[in-house]
């Protein structure tokens, strides 16, 4: 399930590419619009990528559109001439991510993109950029030199970004994963975090809980802000007054989950359920509850978020929400088959964070 957010009409627009009719350079975006197909399809045809499964009619339509617009790239002029065998890669898609080794989410998103790419016979090349102002453009330039037909640009933390200038200069499709820009210049996909926080809290309300605490992540992070918004919306919808005493700030770590749970247990009226805004926080929560002699879920119910591998191995197994990075990676590849938006502006697509029900939630005791 996904939802889209329409761009604000007042947002800054990306500059439209120059048109041949105005004497400007013809781009693959121009050809895609004229041919009624995606930029990726145009790139595959004009680069004569034999590993891509396209109909002859589509190839001819792209070529005719390119010729009518006066596209004059050297590779295109040789399209219908015999070409020597090439030992390099055909149908290559680039994937740039700011952090790879420090987070499982990046690996999951890459795997989703790989599966979708391989299903179409395409290859995925991955580069870690660390968001470095000097090395990131060099890394992406290295990918483009390998003849990539599209680029997926990912950040580990869900957030609005100011896209670097070189992304706007690429003459290939660019897809943003787990981030978006204020000018809506690129297709973008993020988790539906507000809905995820709302569903988690609503699940506890459905079991009769009304005194529901939450342990947040770092407040500067959009994921923490949105999950808290979802928590508050669920309470408001159920006519449960918001109690700031039941909201404790954490930092996504098990130690913060432990400390926050101890603090919650010291309240005059302790909560009957705790929504931990990630699974690592829930690990610390479990430890604090067990040290206090409380049983999960008989005494206090617990919900996590992220569905990390450890969640199913806790005792009891943790009810949690799936971060849809696998689906986001697949979505990014699928967008390469979508014709470009006529206005050059794209809505932000939000993918659902499904709740996985396990054994850490029960009805309110008594």
Foldseek 3Di string as FASTA:
>chain_A
DKDWDDADPPFDADDDADALVVVGADFLLQLLVQLVWFSLLLLQLLQVQVLADDDPVSSVSSLVSCVVRPHDDPSNVCNPPDDDDDPAFGQEEEEEEQDDPPDVLVVLLVVLLQVLQVVRRHHYDYDHQVPDPPRVVVRVVVVVVSPHQEYEYEYPAQEEDDDDPVVSVDRHAYEYESYHYNNQLHAYEHAQLLCQLLVQLLVQVVLVFQQEAEEFAAVVGPSRVSSVNNNVVNNVVVVRDDDVQRYHYAHQALCRLLVVLVSQVPDPDHGQEYEYAAVRSVNNNVVNCVVVVHDFNQRHFYAHEQPDVCQVVDVPRHWYWHGVSSVSSNVRNVCSGRRADPSSGYIYMHDYTDIDDTRRHHHRHD
